PDB file of N, CA and C in Angstrom:
ATOM      1  N   MET A   1     -88.970 -28.644  50.143  1.00  0.00           N
ATOM      2  CA  MET A   1     -88.722 -28.443  48.821  1.00  0.00           C
ATOM      3  C   MET A   1     -87.324 -28.939  48.344  1.00  0.00           C
ATOM      4  N   ALA A   2     -87.246 -29.670  47.434  1.00  0.00           N
ATOM      5  CA  ALA A   2     -85.871 -30.044  46.965  1.00  0.00           C
ATOM      6  C   ALA A   2     -84.924 -28.794  46.740  1.00  0.00           C
ATOM      7  N   ALA A   3     -83.862 -28.989  46.996  1.00  0.00           N
ATOM      8  CA  ALA A   3     -82.765 -28.002  46.701  1.00  0.00           C
ATOM      9  C   ALA A   3     -82.831 -27.241  45.205  1.00  0.00           C
ATOM     10  N   LEU A   4     -82.852 -26.155  45.177  1.00  0.00           N
ATOM     11  CA  LEU A   4     -82.709 -25.619  43.741  1.00  0.00           C
ATOM     12  C   LEU A   4     -81.588 -25.875  42.877  1.00  0.00           C
ATOM     13  N   ASP A   5     -81.532 -26.261  41.780  1.00  0.00           N
ATOM     14  CA  ASP A   5     -80.484 -26.378  40.732  1.00  0.00           C
ATOM     15  C   ASP A   5     -79.805 -25.047  40.340  1.00  0.00           C
ATOM     16  N   LEU A   6     -78.613 -24.868  40.918  1.00  0.00           N
ATOM     17  CA  LEU A   6     -78.083 -23.635  40.986  1.00  0.00           C
ATOM     18  C   LEU A   6     -77.803 -23.227  39.344  1.00  0.00           C
ATOM     19  N   ASN A   7     -77.632 -24.291  38.637  1.00  0.00           N
ATOM     20  CA  ASN A   7     -77.392 -24.010  37.371  1.00  0.00           C
ATOM     21  C   ASN A   7     -78.410 -23.511  36.406  1.00  0.00           C
ATOM     22  N   TYR A   8     -79.603 -23.502  36.894  1.00  0.00           N
ATOM     23  CA  TYR A   8     -80.385 -22.785  36.079  1.00  0.00           C
ATOM     24  C   TYR A   8     -80.492 -21.026  36.606  1.00  0.00           C
ATOM     25  N   PRO A   9     -80.411 -20.520  35.488  1.00  0.00           N
ATOM     26  CA  PRO A   9     -80.307 -18.972  35.745  1.00  0.00           C
ATOM     27  C   PRO A   9     -81.298 -18.399  36.776  1.00  0.00           C
ATOM     28  N   GLY A  10     -80.978 -17.749  37.339  1.00  0.00           N
ATOM     29  CA  GLY A  10     -81.790 -17.014  38.329  1.00  0.00           C
ATOM     30  C   GLY A  10     -82.265 -17.798  39.744  1.00  0.00           C
ATOM     31  N   ALA A  11     -81.679 -19.038  39.836  1.00  0.00           N
ATOM     32  CA  ALA A  11     -81.834 -19.787  40.845  1.00  0.00           C
ATOM     33  C   ALA A  11     -81.535 -19.280  42.408  1.00  0.00           C
ATOM     34  N   ASP A  12     -80.352 -18.583  42.276  1.00  0.00           N
ATOM     35  CA  ASP A  12     -79.964 -17.807  43.462  1.00  0.00           C
ATOM     36  C   ASP A  12     -80.801 -16.695  43.942  1.00  0.00           C
ATOM     37  N   LEU A  13     -81.685 -16.164  43.287  1.00  0.00           N
ATOM     38  CA  LEU A  13     -82.498 -15.021  43.229  1.00  0.00           C
ATOM     39  C   LEU A  13     -83.930 -15.592  43.817  1.00  0.00           C
ATOM     40  N   ILE A  14     -84.270 -16.799  43.278  1.00  0.00           N
ATOM     41  CA  ILE A  14     -85.704 -17.626  43.837  1.00  0.00           C
ATOM     42  C   ILE A  14     -85.064 -18.109  44.929  1.00  0.00           C
ATOM     43  N   ARG A  15     -84.181 -18.885  45.508  1.00  0.00           N
ATOM     44  CA  ARG A  15     -84.166 -19.304  46.537  1.00  0.00           C
ATOM     45  C   ARG A  15     -83.840 -18.055  47.371  1.00  0.00           C
ATOM     46  N   ASP A  16     -83.129 -16.969  47.234  1.00  0.00           N
ATOM     47  CA  ASP A  16     -83.193 -15.982  48.549  1.00  0.00           C
ATOM     48  C   ASP A  16     -84.832 -15.474  48.496  1.00  0.00           C
ATOM     49  N   GLY A  17     -85.401 -15.198  47.477  1.00  0.00           N
ATOM     50  CA  GLY A  17     -86.909 -14.862  47.570  1.00  0.00           C
ATOM     51  C   GLY A  17     -87.626 -15.849  48.605  1.00  0.00           C
ATOM     52  N   LEU A  18     -87.665 -17.024  48.124  1.00  0.00           N
ATOM     53  CA  LEU A  18     -88.053 -17.859  49.297  1.00  0.00           C
ATOM     54  C   LEU A  18     -87.492 -17.898  50.619  1.00  0.00           C
ATOM     55  N   ASP A  19     -86.630 -17.990  50.701  1.00  0.00           N
ATOM     56  CA  ASP A  19     -85.938 -17.786  52.213  1.00  0.00           C
ATOM     57  C   ASP A  19     -86.577 -16.541  52.843  1.00  0.00           C
ATOM     58  N   ASP A  20     -86.377 -15.119  52.125  1.00  0.00           N
ATOM     59  CA  ASP A  20     -86.868 -14.195  52.651  1.00  0.00           C
ATOM     60  C   ASP A  20     -88.675 -14.201  52.878  1.00  0.00           C
ATOM     61  N   TRP A  21     -89.423 -14.817  51.907  1.00  0.00           N
ATOM     62  CA  TRP A  21     -91.063 -14.785  52.151  1.00  0.00           C
ATOM     63  C   TRP A  21     -91.009 -15.709  53.220  1.00  0.00           C
ATOM     64  N   ARG A  22     -90.451 -16.764  53.471  1.00  0.00           N
ATOM     65  CA  ARG A  22     -90.805 -17.646  54.493  1.00  0.00           C
ATOM     66  C   ARG A  22     -90.330 -17.183  55.940  1.00  0.00           C
ATOM     67  N   ARG A  23     -89.501 -15.968  55.883  1.00  0.00           N
ATOM     68  CA  ARG A  23     -89.047 -15.513  57.157  1.00  0.00           C
ATOM     69  C   ARG A  23     -90.117 -14.003  57.693  1.00  0.00           C
ATOM     70  N   GLY A  24     -90.892 -13.828  56.451  1.00  0.00           N
ATOM     71  CA  GLY A  24     -91.877 -12.637  56.439  1.00  0.00           C
ATOM     72  C   GLY A  24     -90.976 -11.259  56.121  1.00  0.00           C
ATOM     73  N   ILE A  25     -90.043 -11.279  55.378  1.00  0.00           N
ATOM     74  CA  ILE A  25     -89.113 -10.310  54.947  1.00  0.00           C
ATOM     75  C   ILE A  25     -89.769  -9.511  53.543  1.00  0.00           C
ATOM     76  N   GLU A  26     -90.221  -8.401  53.049  1.00  0.00           N
ATOM     77  CA  GLU A  26     -90.584  -8.048  51.944  1.00  0.00           C
ATOM     78  C   GLU A  26     -89.232  -7.237  51.452  1.00  0.00           C
ATOM     79  N   SER A  27     -88.795  -8.088  50.509  1.00  0.00           N
ATOM     80  CA  SER A  27     -87.544  -8.029  49.825  1.00  0.00           C
ATOM     81  C   SER A  27     -87.882  -7.748  48.420  1.00  0.00           C
ATOM     82  N   VAL A  28     -87.025  -7.554  47.657  1.00  0.00           N
ATOM     83  CA  VAL A  28     -87.171  -7.405  46.176  1.00  0.00           C
ATOM     84  C   VAL A  28     -87.192  -9.144  45.556  1.00  0.00           C
ATOM     85  N   PRO A  29     -86.253  -9.653  46.285  1.00  0.00           N
ATOM     86  CA  PRO A  29     -86.374 -11.186  45.926  1.00  0.00           C
ATOM     87  C   PRO A  29     -87.690 -11.966  46.186  1.00  0.00           C
ATOM     88  N   ALA A  30     -88.271 -11.307  47.485  1.00  0.00           N
ATOM     89  CA  ALA A  30     -89.493 -12.431  47.855  1.00  0.00           C
ATOM     90  C   ALA A  30     -90.534 -11.680  47.182  1.00  0.00           C
ATOM     91  N   LEU A  31     -90.696 -10.616  46.929  1.00  0.00           N
ATOM     92  CA  LEU A  31     -91.907  -9.983  45.977  1.00  0.00           C
ATOM     93  C   LEU A  31     -91.770 -10.478  44.708  1.00  0.00           C
ATOM     94  N   LEU A  32     -90.723 -10.653  43.830  1.00  0.00           N
ATOM     95  CA  LEU A  32     -90.719 -11.339  42.539  1.00  0.00           C
ATOM     96  C   LEU A  32     -90.847 -12.800  43.014  1.00  0.00           C
ATOM     97  N   VAL A  33     -90.556 -13.487  43.800  1.00  0.00           N
ATOM     98  CA  VAL A  33     -91.022 -15.124  43.832  1.00  0.00           C
ATOM     99  C   VAL A  33     -92.513 -14.953  43.762  1.00  0.00           C
ATOM    100  N   GLN A  34     -93.044 -13.868  44.701  1.00  0.00           N
ATOM    101  CA  GLN A  34     -94.645 -13.931  44.742  1.00  0.00           C
ATOM    102  C   GLN A  34     -95.504 -13.693  43.511  1.00  0.00           C
ATOM    103  N   VAL A  35     -94.520 -12.961  42.905  1.00  0.00           N
ATOM    104  CA  VAL A  35     -95.403 -12.538  41.242  1.00  0.00           C
ATOM    105  C   VAL A  35     -95.138 -14.047  40.560  1.00  0.00           C
ATOM    106  N   GLY A  36     -93.970 -14.782  40.686  1.00  0.00           N
ATOM    107  CA  GLY A  36     -94.082 -15.922  40.048  1.00  0.00           C
ATOM    108  C   GLY A  36     -94.629 -17.105  40.499  1.00  0.00           C
ATOM    109  N   ALA A  37     -95.223 -17.111  41.790  1.00  0.00           N
ATOM    110  CA  ALA A  37     -95.533 -18.170  42.639  1.00  0.00           C
ATOM    111  C   ALA A  37     -96.531 -19.196  41.899  1.00  0.00           C
ATOM    112  N   PRO A  38     -97.715 -18.589  40.929  1.00  0.00           N
ATOM    113  CA  PRO A  38     -98.506 -19.551  40.261  1.00  0.00           C
ATOM    114  C   PRO A  38     -97.839 -20.538  39.587  1.00  0.00           C
ATOM    115  N   ARG A  39     -96.684 -20.164  38.809  1.00  0.00           N
ATOM    116  CA  ARG A  39     -96.140 -20.905  37.904  1.00  0.00           C
ATOM    117  C   ARG A  39     -94.985 -21.583  38.525  1.00  0.00           C
ATOM    118  N   LEU A  40     -94.567 -21.103  39.497  1.00  0.00           N
ATOM    119  CA  LEU A  40     -93.677 -21.820  40.337  1.00  0.00           C
ATOM    120  C   LEU A  40     -93.913 -22.976  41.151  1.00  0.00           C
ATOM    121  N   ARG A  41     -95.255 -22.727  41.632  1.00  0.00           N
ATOM    122  CA  ARG A  41     -95.804 -23.979  42.045  1.00  0.00           C
ATOM    123  C   ARG A  41     -96.107 -25.191  41.225  1.00  0.00           C
ATOM    124  N   HIS A  42     -96.741 -24.514  39.848  1.00  0.00           N
ATOM    125  CA  HIS A  42     -97.283 -25.651  38.894  1.00  0.00           C
ATOM    126  C   HIS A  42     -96.034 -26.513  38.428  1.00  0.00           C
ATOM    127  N   LEU A  43     -94.774 -25.774  38.549  1.00  0.00           N
ATOM    128  CA  LEU A  43     -93.579 -26.297  38.317  1.00  0.00           C
ATOM    129  C   LEU A  43     -92.787 -27.365  39.375  1.00  0.00           C
ATOM    130  N   GLY A  44     -93.633 -27.336  40.584  1.00  0.00           N
ATOM    131  CA  GLY A  44     -93.207 -28.337  41.786  1.00  0.00           C
ATOM    132  C   GLY A  44     -92.455 -27.666  42.900  1.00  0.00           C
ATOM    133  N   ILE A  45     -92.212 -26.449  42.783  1.00  0.00           N
ATOM    134  CA  ILE A  45     -91.667 -25.574  43.647  1.00  0.00           C
ATOM    135  C   ILE A  45     -92.568 -25.348  44.998  1.00  0.00           C
ATOM    136  N   ASP A  46     -92.053 -25.635  46.285  1.00  0.00           N
ATOM    137  CA  ASP A  46     -92.888 -25.859  47.452  1.00  0.00           C
ATOM    138  C   ASP A  46     -92.830 -24.080  47.999  1.00  0.00           C
ATOM    139  N   MET A  47     -94.091 -23.174  47.487  1.00  0.00           N
ATOM    140  CA  MET A  47     -93.885 -22.135  47.908  1.00  0.00           C
ATOM    141  C   MET A  47     -94.956 -21.780  49.345  1.00  0.00           C
ATOM    142  N   PRO A  48     -94.566 -20.970  50.160  1.00  0.00           N
ATOM    143  CA  PRO A  48     -95.415 -20.479  50.876  1.00  0.00           C
ATOM    144  C   PRO A  48     -96.883 -20.224  50.502  1.00  0.00           C
ATOM    145  N   THR A  49     -97.963 -20.337  51.373  1.00  0.00           N
ATOM    146  CA  THR A  49     -99.167 -20.045  51.209  1.00  0.00           C
ATOM    147  C   THR A  49     -99.403 -18.402  51.621  1.00  0.00           C
ATOM    148  N   VAL A  50     -99.149 -17.811  52.453  1.00  0.00           N
ATOM    149  CA  VAL A  50     -99.200 -16.515  52.709  1.00  0.00           C
ATOM    150  C   VAL A  50     -98.552 -15.420  52.299  1.00  0.00           C
ATOM    151  N   ALA A  51     -99.330 -14.585  51.342  1.00  0.00           N
ATOM    152  CA  ALA A  51     -98.665 -13.587  50.125  1.00  0.00           C
ATOM    153  C   ALA A  51     -99.265 -12.276  50.362  1.00  0.00           C
ATOM    154  N   VAL A  52     -98.567 -11.338  49.989  1.00  0.00           N
ATOM    155  CA  VAL A  52     -99.094  -9.891  49.719  1.00  0.00           C
ATOM    156  C   VAL A  52     -99.936  -9.834  48.918  1.00  0.00           C
ATOM    157  N   ASP A  53    -100.557  -8.703  48.944  1.00  0.00           N
ATOM    158  CA  ASP A  53    -101.670  -8.386  47.966  1.00  0.00           C
ATOM    159  C   ASP A  53    -100.665  -7.451  46.829  1.00  0.00           C
ATOM    160  N   SER A  54    -101.071  -7.574  45.557  1.00  0.00           N
ATOM    161  CA  SER A  54    -100.510  -7.113  44.449  1.00  0.00           C
ATOM    162  C   SER A  54     -99.091  -6.977  44.561  1.00  0.00           C
ATOM    163  N   PRO A  55     -98.158  -8.169  44.315  1.00  0.00           N
ATOM    164  CA  PRO A  55     -97.018  -8.247  44.532  1.00  0.00           C
ATOM    165  C   PRO A  55     -96.224  -7.531  43.464  1.00  0.00           C
ATOM    166  N   GLU A  56     -96.701  -7.288  42.090  1.00  0.00           N
ATOM    167  CA  GLU A  56     -96.072  -6.635  41.080  1.00  0.00           C
ATOM    168  C   GLU A  56     -96.166  -5.368  41.467  1.00  0.00           C
ATOM    169  N   HIS A  57     -97.218  -4.495  41.896  1.00  0.00           N
ATOM    170  CA  HIS A  57     -97.135  -3.230  42.196  1.00  0.00           C
ATOM    171  C   HIS A  57     -96.164  -2.732  43.592  1.00  0.00           C
ATOM    172  N   ARG A  58     -96.164  -3.961  44.423  1.00  0.00           N
ATOM    173  CA  ARG A  58     -95.206  -3.619  45.930  1.00  0.00           C
ATOM    174  C   ARG A  58     -93.809  -3.833  45.118  1.00  0.00           C
ATOM    175  N   LEU A  59     -93.387  -4.569  44.499  1.00  0.00           N
ATOM    176  CA  LEU A  59     -92.088  -4.864  43.817  1.00  0.00           C
ATOM    177  C   LEU A  59     -91.768  -3.711  43.295  1.00  0.00           C
ATOM    178  N   TYR A  60     -92.552  -3.074  42.468  1.00  0.00           N
ATOM    179  CA  TYR A  60     -92.459  -1.694  41.543  1.00  0.00           C
ATOM    180  C   TYR A  60     -91.861  -0.579  42.499  1.00  0.00           C
ATOM    181  N   ALA A  61     -92.941  -0.712  43.830  1.00  0.00           N
ATOM    182  CA  ALA A  61     -92.687   0.430  44.522  1.00  0.00           C
ATOM    183  C   ALA A  61     -91.656   0.406  45.336  1.00  0.00           C
ATOM    184  N   LEU A  62     -91.135  -0.838  45.871  1.00  0.00           N
ATOM    185  CA  LEU A  62     -89.884  -0.899  46.476  1.00  0.00           C
ATOM    186  C   LEU A  62     -88.806  -0.238  45.694  1.00  0.00           C
ATOM    187  N   LEU A  63     -88.558  -1.055  44.244  1.00  0.00           N
ATOM    188  CA  LEU A  63     -87.678  -0.450  43.540  1.00  0.00           C
ATOM    189  C   LEU A  63     -87.417   1.041  43.242  1.00  0.00           C
ATOM    190  N   ALA A  64     -88.642   1.708  43.121  1.00  0.00           N
ATOM    191  CA  ALA A  64     -88.806   3.120  42.815  1.00  0.00           C
ATOM    192  C   ALA A  64     -88.153   3.874  44.111  1.00  0.00           C
ATOM    193  N   ALA A  65     -88.638   3.214  45.104  1.00  0.00           N
ATOM    194  CA  ALA A  65     -87.932   4.003  46.433  1.00  0.00           C
ATOM    195  C   ALA A  65     -86.679   3.982  46.601  1.00  0.00           C
ATOM    196  N   ASP A  66     -86.102   2.940  46.048  1.00  0.00           N
ATOM    197  CA  ASP A  66     -84.568   2.917  46.138  1.00  0.00           C
ATOM    198  C   ASP A  66     -84.052   3.816  44.999  1.00  0.00           C
ATOM    199  N   THR A  67     -84.306   3.528  43.739  1.00  0.00           N
ATOM    200  CA  THR A  67     -83.969   4.390  42.849  1.00  0.00           C
ATOM    201  C   THR A  67     -85.154   4.637  41.726  1.00  0.00           C
ATOM    202  N   PRO A  68     -85.804   5.713  41.723  1.00  0.00           N
ATOM    203  CA  PRO A  68     -86.971   6.246  40.826  1.00  0.00           C
ATOM    204  C   PRO A  68     -86.529   6.126  39.395  1.00  0.00           C
ATOM    205  N   ASP A  69     -85.655   6.661  38.867  1.00  0.00           N
ATOM    206  CA  ASP A  69     -85.278   6.727  37.338  1.00  0.00           C
ATOM    207  C   ASP A  69     -84.846   5.647  36.958  1.00  0.00           C
ATOM    208  N   SER A  70     -84.623   4.366  37.387  1.00  0.00           N
ATOM    209  CA  SER A  70     -84.280   3.202  37.270  1.00  0.00           C
ATOM    210  C   SER A  70     -85.238   1.963  37.177  1.00  0.00           C
ATOM    211  N   ALA A  71     -86.140   2.452  38.053  1.00  0.00           N
ATOM    212  CA  ALA A  71     -87.193   1.615  38.298  1.00  0.00           C
ATOM    213  C   ALA A  71     -87.768   0.456  37.662  1.00  0.00           C
ATOM    214  N   HIS A  72     -88.310   1.242  36.417  1.00  0.00           N
ATOM    215  CA  HIS A  72     -88.916   0.406  35.353  1.00  0.00           C
ATOM    216  C   HIS A  72     -88.099  -0.569  34.629  1.00  0.00           C
ATOM    217  N   GLY A  73     -86.804  -0.339  34.462  1.00  0.00           N
ATOM    218  CA  GLY A  73     -85.682  -1.174  33.821  1.00  0.00           C
ATOM    219  C   GLY A  73     -85.336  -2.410  34.717  1.00  0.00           C
ATOM    220  N   ARG A  74     -85.191  -1.831  36.091  1.00  0.00           N
ATOM    221  CA  ARG A  74     -85.070  -2.837  37.032  1.00  0.00           C
ATOM    222  C   ARG A  74     -85.904  -4.058  37.067  1.00  0.00           C
ATOM    223  N   TYR A  75     -87.222  -3.389  37.158  1.00  0.00           N
ATOM    224  CA  TYR A  75     -88.537  -4.340  37.004  1.00  0.00           C
ATOM    225  C   TYR A  75     -88.543  -5.354  36.104  1.00  0.00           C
ATOM    226  N   ASN A  76     -87.997  -4.751  34.914  1.00  0.00           N
ATOM    227  CA  ASN A  76     -88.371  -5.854  33.683  1.00  0.00           C
ATOM    228  C   ASN A  76     -87.309  -6.672  33.776  1.00  0.00           C
ATOM    229  N   ALA A  77     -86.136  -6.310  34.248  1.00  0.00           N
ATOM    230  CA  ALA A  77     -84.821  -7.078  33.940  1.00  0.00           C
ATOM    231  C   ALA A  77     -85.104  -8.566  35.210  1.00  0.00           C
ATOM    232  N   LEU A  78     -85.607  -7.976  36.365  1.00  0.00           N
ATOM    233  CA  LEU A  78     -86.032  -8.736  37.404  1.00  0.00           C
ATOM    234  C   LEU A  78     -87.272  -9.661  36.517  1.00  0.00           C
ATOM    235  N   ILE A  79     -88.275  -9.612  36.177  1.00  0.00           N
ATOM    236  CA  ILE A  79     -89.164 -10.355  35.547  1.00  0.00           C
ATOM    237  C   ILE A  79     -88.660 -11.221  34.473  1.00  0.00           C
ATOM    238  N   ARG A  80     -87.456 -10.752  33.717  1.00  0.00           N
ATOM    239  CA  ARG A  80     -87.042 -11.641  32.597  1.00  0.00           C
ATOM    240  C   ARG A  80     -86.186 -12.852  33.366  1.00  0.00           C
ATOM    241  N   ARG A  81     -85.709 -12.498  34.430  1.00  0.00           N
ATOM    242  CA  ARG A  81     -84.669 -13.389  35.253  1.00  0.00           C
ATOM    243  C   ARG A  81     -85.857 -14.426  35.857  1.00  0.00           C
ATOM    244  N   LEU A  82     -86.793 -14.062  36.357  1.00  0.00           N
ATOM    245  CA  LEU A  82     -87.699 -14.890  36.768  1.00  0.00           C
ATOM    246  C   LEU A  82     -88.365 -15.753  35.702  1.00  0.00           C
ATOM    247  N   VAL A  83     -88.572 -15.211  34.492  1.00  0.00           N
ATOM    248  CA  VAL A  83     -89.071 -16.069  33.372  1.00  0.00           C
ATOM    249  C   VAL A  83     -87.977 -16.970  32.817  1.00  0.00           C
ATOM    250  N   SER A  84     -86.750 -16.421  32.803  1.00  0.00           N
ATOM    251  CA  SER A  84     -85.846 -17.695  32.338  1.00  0.00           C
ATOM    252  C   SER A  84     -85.778 -18.818  33.460  1.00  0.00           C
ATOM    253  N   PHE A  85     -85.875 -18.444  34.458  1.00  0.00           N
ATOM    254  CA  PHE A  85     -85.652 -19.527  35.426  1.00  0.00           C
ATOM    255  C   PHE A  85     -86.882 -20.489  35.487  1.00  0.00           C
ATOM    256  N   GLU A  86     -88.076 -19.738  35.096  1.00  0.00           N
ATOM    257  CA  GLU A  86     -89.306 -20.923  35.025  1.00  0.00           C
ATOM    258  C   GLU A  86     -89.060 -21.640  33.729  1.00  0.00           C
ATOM    259  N   ARG A  87     -88.673 -21.092  32.452  1.00  0.00           N
ATOM    260  CA  ARG A  87     -88.628 -21.833  31.613  1.00  0.00           C
ATOM    261  C   ARG A  87     -87.360 -22.661  31.790  1.00  0.00           C
ATOM    262  N   ALA A  88     -86.398 -22.741  32.288  1.00  0.00           N
ATOM    263  CA  ALA A  88     -85.093 -23.704  32.710  1.00  0.00           C
ATOM    264  C   ALA A  88     -85.574 -24.740  33.278  1.00  0.00           C
ATOM    265  N   VAL A  89     -86.375 -24.410  34.284  1.00  0.00           N
ATOM    266  CA  VAL A  89     -87.043 -25.680  35.275  1.00  0.00           C
ATOM    267  C   VAL A  89     -88.009 -26.297  34.300  1.00  0.00           C
ATOM    268  N   ALA A  90     -88.897 -25.841  33.665  1.00  0.00           N
ATOM    269  CA  ALA A  90     -89.738 -26.345  32.596  1.00  0.00           C
ATOM    270  C   ALA A  90     -88.983 -27.459  31.715  1.00  0.00           C
ATOM    271  N   CYS A  91     -87.937 -26.799  30.929  1.00  0.00           N
ATOM    272  CA  CYS A  91     -87.043 -27.864  30.221  1.00  0.00           C
ATOM    273  C   CYS A  91     -86.321 -28.958  30.786  1.00  0.00           C
ATOM    274  N   GLY A  92     -85.832 -28.584  32.016  1.00  0.00           N
ATOM    275  CA  GLY A  92     -85.250 -29.532  32.784  1.00  0.00           C
ATOM    276  C   GLY A  92     -85.604 -30.595  33.430  1.00  0.00           C
ATOM    277  N   ARG A  93     -87.043 -30.716  33.355  1.00  0.00           N
ATOM    278  CA  ARG A  93     -88.051 -31.597  34.267  1.00  0.00           C
ATOM    279  C   ARG A  93     -88.207 -32.995  33.010  1.00  0.00           C
TER     280      ARG A  93
END
């Protein structure tokens, strides 16, 4: 994979998620990248092939285990960062 342009919003989160996913770490960034995997692949980002089932649910569960009262808001904020990154990459092509 080519280096991610760190000028794109959320690139650091996506890079960290890819690193964790490749190492088999089930982290918030890794699950977020798995949620966005189809679109990220379409945008030309090299993605691992092995993924967890229902990454959306697992991401929410991980957030809720940490801070149940703010899980919904944090989940939505992460999805917005993912979408922002995807849009920036699509526009920068």
